[in-house]
Amino acid sequence: MQVEIRAESDEDVPALHDFFRWLKDDQDGPEEVRLGTAAAERPGAMGALEVIQVVLGQSTAAAGLVMQFVSWYRSRGDGRGGAGFTFVRASDGLSVTVRHATDDDVRRILAVLAVPPPEPLPAPDSSARSSE
């Protein structure tokens, strides 16, 4: 599963870079993590936005990513406050935005990342004939 993590505002971009370094430095972190760009989707943003792109190999990896976010957030205990991030499941665009690492935020992120994406609709059967 591919996940994108986006900064909620321009003020959150340095925190996004910091979280990216945290993920890259963690030996137990995702195998594939990179800093990329995505189209600007937040109000007032122009051009491309930097995003963290993560590839998760199994459903349990989603829980690991969330726990890494919580650990990173709590390590910032120097009064810098929350960093607004949007976690986006790339397969269907399902997303959640959080500003802190509260228990509720963790549940909300897991609800997006751990729930399997919907199954694609089957292709129409070309041999079926109209009843008209």
C-alpha atoms as a PDB file:
ATOM      1  CA  MET A   1       0.000   0.000   0.000  1.00  0.00           C
ATOM      2  CA  GLN A   2       1.262   3.465  -0.841  1.00  0.00           C
ATOM      3  CA  VAL A   3       0.731   6.295   1.628  1.00  0.00           C
ATOM      4  CA  GLU A   4       1.442   9.989   1.190  1.00  0.00           C
ATOM      5  CA  ILE A   5       1.982  12.267   4.154  1.00  0.00           C
ATOM      6  CA  ARG A   6       1.437  15.954   3.430  1.00  0.00           C
ATOM      7  CA  ALA A   7       1.980  19.089   5.480  1.00  0.00           C
ATOM      8  CA  GLU A   8      -1.282  20.816   6.328  1.00  0.00           C
ATOM      9  CA  SER A   9       0.219  24.282   5.857  1.00  0.00           C
ATOM     10  CA  ASP A  10       3.453  25.941   4.769  1.00  0.00           C
ATOM     11  CA  GLU A  11       4.364  26.359   8.446  1.00  0.00           C
ATOM     12  CA  ASP A  12       4.259  22.554   8.839  1.00  0.00           C
ATOM     13  CA  VAL A  13       6.749  21.823   6.014  1.00  0.00           C
ATOM     14  CA  PRO A  14       9.837  21.909   8.296  1.00  0.00           C
ATOM     15  CA  ALA A  15       8.111  19.372  10.566  1.00  0.00           C
ATOM     16  CA  LEU A  16       7.383  17.210   7.508  1.00  0.00           C
ATOM     17  CA  HIS A  17      11.095  17.245   6.622  1.00  0.00           C
ATOM     18  CA  ASP A  18      11.948  16.361  10.231  1.00  0.00           C
ATOM     19  CA  PHE A  19       9.509  13.419  10.206  1.00  0.00           C
ATOM     20  CA  PHE A  20      10.964  12.263   6.875  1.00  0.00           C
ATOM     21  CA  ARG A  21      14.469  12.198   8.396  1.00  0.00           C
ATOM     22  CA  TRP A  22      13.077  10.335  11.425  1.00  0.00           C
ATOM     23  CA  LEU A  23      11.581   7.649   9.157  1.00  0.00           C
ATOM     24  CA  LYS A  24      14.772   7.347   7.068  1.00  0.00           C
ATOM     25  CA  ASP A  25      16.951   6.994  10.174  1.00  0.00           C
ATOM     26  CA  ASP A  26      14.751   4.371  11.855  1.00  0.00           C
ATOM     27  CA  GLN A  27      16.090   0.885  11.117  1.00  0.00           C
ATOM     28  CA  ASP A  28      12.640  -0.552  11.858  1.00  0.00           C
ATOM     29  CA  GLY A  29      10.955   2.013   9.611  1.00  0.00           C
ATOM     30  CA  PRO A  30       9.353   1.445   6.233  1.00  0.00           C
ATOM     31  CA  GLU A  31      11.649  -0.113   3.634  1.00  0.00           C
ATOM     32  CA  GLU A  32      10.709   2.444   1.030  1.00  0.00           C
ATOM     33  CA  VAL A  33      10.308   6.079   2.053  1.00  0.00           C
ATOM     34  CA  ARG A  34      11.127   9.116  -0.061  1.00  0.00           C
ATOM     35  CA  LEU A  35      10.434  12.807  -0.290  1.00  0.00           C
ATOM     36  CA  GLY A  36       8.480  13.595  -3.443  1.00  0.00           C
ATOM     37  CA  THR A  37       6.023  16.103  -4.836  1.00  0.00           C
ATOM     38  CA  ALA A  38       2.279  16.104  -5.378  1.00  0.00           C
ATOM     39  CA  ALA A  39      -0.167  18.547  -6.888  1.00  0.00           C
ATOM     40  CA  ALA A  40      -1.190  21.339  -4.524  1.00  0.00           C
ATOM     41  CA  GLU A  41      -4.571  20.416  -3.080  1.00  0.00           C
ATOM     42  CA  ARG A  42      -4.810  22.625  -0.029  1.00  0.00           C
ATOM     43  CA  PRO A  43      -6.449  26.062  -0.238  1.00  0.00           C
ATOM     44  CA  GLY A  44      -4.025  28.858  -1.038  1.00  0.00           C
ATOM     45  CA  ALA A  45      -1.190  26.536  -2.074  1.00  0.00           C
ATOM     46  CA  MET A  46       0.340  26.976  -5.498  1.00  0.00           C
ATOM     47  CA  GLY A  47       2.412  24.561  -7.544  1.00  0.00           C
ATOM     48  CA  ALA A  48       3.627  21.234  -6.237  1.00  0.00           C
ATOM     49  CA  LEU A  49       3.837  20.279  -2.581  1.00  0.00           C
ATOM     50  CA  GLU A  50       6.488  18.169  -0.939  1.00  0.00           C
ATOM     51  CA  VAL A  51       5.139  14.905   0.424  1.00  0.00           C
ATOM     52  CA  ILE A  52       6.548  11.885   2.166  1.00  0.00           C
ATOM     53  CA  GLN A  53       5.837   8.817   0.044  1.00  0.00           C
ATOM     54  CA  VAL A  54       5.821   5.535   1.932  1.00  0.00           C
ATOM     55  CA  VAL A  55       5.308   2.014   0.612  1.00  0.00           C
ATOM     56  CA  LEU A  56       3.927  -0.386   3.221  1.00  0.00           C
ATOM     57  CA  GLY A  57       4.273  -4.089   2.519  1.00  0.00           C
ATOM     58  CA  GLN A  58       1.598  -5.487   4.828  1.00  0.00           C
ATOM     59  CA  SER A  59      -1.356  -4.331   6.899  1.00  0.00           C
ATOM     60  CA  THR A  60       0.634  -4.471  10.140  1.00  0.00           C
ATOM     61  CA  ALA A  61       3.055  -1.968   8.609  1.00  0.00           C
ATOM     62  CA  ALA A  62       0.311   0.678   8.813  1.00  0.00           C
ATOM     63  CA  ALA A  63       0.260   0.315  12.589  1.00  0.00           C
ATOM     64  CA  GLY A  64       4.052   0.577  12.618  1.00  0.00           C
ATOM     65  CA  LEU A  65       3.950   3.814  10.617  1.00  0.00           C
ATOM     66  CA  VAL A  66       1.396   5.288  13.011  1.00  0.00           C
ATOM     67  CA  MET A  67       3.526   4.312  16.018  1.00  0.00           C
ATOM     68  CA  GLN A  68       6.548   5.947  14.369  1.00  0.00           C
ATOM     69  CA  PHE A  69       4.491   9.122  13.947  1.00  0.00           C
ATOM     70  CA  VAL A  70       3.522   9.031  17.642  1.00  0.00           C
ATOM     71  CA  SER A  71       7.149   8.451  18.715  1.00  0.00           C
ATOM     72  CA  TRP A  72       8.388  11.266  16.478  1.00  0.00           C
ATOM     73  CA  TYR A  73       5.677  13.635  17.694  1.00  0.00           C
ATOM     74  CA  ARG A  74       6.360  12.924  21.360  1.00  0.00           C
ATOM     75  CA  SER A  75      10.107  13.370  20.820  1.00  0.00           C
ATOM     76  CA  ARG A  76       9.370  16.995  19.850  1.00  0.00           C
ATOM     77  CA  GLY A  77       8.466  17.838  23.462  1.00  0.00           C
ATOM     78  CA  ASP A  78      10.105  21.254  23.326  1.00  0.00           C
ATOM     79  CA  GLY A  79       6.915  23.288  23.067  1.00  0.00           C
ATOM     80  CA  ARG A  80       6.846  23.439  19.262  1.00  0.00           C
ATOM     81  CA  GLY A  81       3.202  22.390  19.312  1.00  0.00           C
ATOM     82  CA  GLY A  82       1.345  20.307  16.805  1.00  0.00           C
ATOM     83  CA  ALA A  83       2.323  19.719  13.225  1.00  0.00           C
ATOM     84  CA  GLY A  84      -0.599  19.287  10.869  1.00  0.00           C
ATOM     85  CA  PHE A  85      -0.197  16.277   8.587  1.00  0.00           C
ATOM     86  CA  THR A  86      -2.608  14.660   6.159  1.00  0.00           C
ATOM     87  CA  PHE A  87      -2.200  10.900   5.684  1.00  0.00           C
ATOM     88  CA  VAL A  88      -3.510   9.830   2.262  1.00  0.00           C
ATOM     89  CA  ARG A  89      -4.029   6.274   1.026  1.00  0.00           C
ATOM     90  CA  ALA A  90      -2.875   6.598  -2.577  1.00  0.00           C
ATOM     91  CA  SER A  91      -5.052   3.798  -3.988  1.00  0.00           C
ATOM     92  CA  ASP A  92      -8.332   5.632  -3.416  1.00  0.00           C
ATOM     93  CA  GLY A  93      -7.451   9.030  -1.925  1.00  0.00           C
ATOM     94  CA  LEU A  94      -8.993   8.289   1.476  1.00  0.00           C
ATOM     95  CA  SER A  95      -7.350  10.711   3.906  1.00  0.00           C
ATOM     96  CA  VAL A  96      -7.296  12.049   7.429  1.00  0.00           C
ATOM     97  CA  THR A  97      -5.692  15.226   8.782  1.00  0.00           C
ATOM     98  CA  VAL A  98      -4.294  15.335  12.309  1.00  0.00           C
ATOM     99  CA  ARG A  99      -2.467  18.019  14.265  1.00  0.00           C
ATOM    100  CA  HIS A 100      -1.378  16.043  17.331  1.00  0.00           C
ATOM    101  CA  ALA A 101      -0.680  12.440  18.278  1.00  0.00           C
ATOM    102  CA  THR A 102      -3.601  11.950  20.641  1.00  0.00           C
ATOM    103  CA  ASP A 103      -5.266   8.578  21.080  1.00  0.00           C
ATOM    104  CA  ASP A 104      -8.129   9.869  18.918  1.00  0.00           C
ATOM    105  CA  ASP A 105      -5.679  10.939  16.181  1.00  0.00           C
ATOM    106  CA  VAL A 106      -4.090   7.478  16.241  1.00  0.00           C
ATOM    107  CA  ARG A 107      -7.502   5.811  15.895  1.00  0.00           C
ATOM    108  CA  ARG A 108      -8.420   8.131  13.012  1.00  0.00           C
ATOM    109  CA  ILE A 109      -5.172   7.442  11.117  1.00  0.00           C
ATOM    110  CA  LEU A 110      -5.519   3.692  11.613  1.00  0.00           C
ATOM    111  CA  ALA A 111      -9.132   3.832  10.424  1.00  0.00           C
ATOM    112  CA  VAL A 112      -7.863   5.207   7.116  1.00  0.00           C
ATOM    113  CA  LEU A 113      -4.704   3.138   6.684  1.00  0.00           C
ATOM    114  CA  ALA A 114      -5.725  -0.215   8.144  1.00  0.00           C
ATOM    115  CA  VAL A 115      -9.101  -0.593   6.441  1.00  0.00           C
ATOM    116  CA  PRO A 116      -8.724  -2.406   3.118  1.00  0.00           C
ATOM    117  CA  PRO A 117      -9.540  -0.276   0.067  1.00  0.00           C
ATOM    118  CA  PRO A 118     -12.791  -1.118  -1.679  1.00  0.00           C
ATOM    119  CA  GLU A 119     -12.703  -3.893  -4.258  1.00  0.00           C
ATOM    120  CA  PRO A 120     -12.847  -2.665  -7.859  1.00  0.00           C
ATOM    121  CA  LEU A 121     -16.132  -3.224  -9.630  1.00  0.00           C
ATOM    122  CA  PRO A 122     -16.105  -6.193 -12.007  1.00  0.00           C
ATOM    123  CA  ALA A 123     -15.891  -5.389 -15.694  1.00  0.00           C
ATOM    124  CA  PRO A 124     -19.224  -5.592 -17.493  1.00  0.00           C
ATOM    125  CA  ASP A 125     -19.823  -8.913 -19.212  1.00  0.00           C
ATOM    126  CA  SER A 126     -19.673  -8.156 -22.921  1.00  0.00           C
ATOM    127  CA  SER A 127     -21.580 -11.363 -23.740  1.00  0.00           C
ATOM    128  CA  ALA A 128     -24.641 -10.256 -21.742  1.00  0.00           C
ATOM    129  CA  ARG A 129     -27.475  -9.105 -23.976  1.00  0.00           C
ATOM    130  CA  SER A 130     -29.988  -6.418 -23.339  1.00  0.00           C
ATOM    131  CA  SER A 131     -33.494  -7.646 -22.542  1.00  0.00           C
ATOM    132  CA  GLU A 132     -35.064  -4.920 -24.659  1.00  0.00           C
END
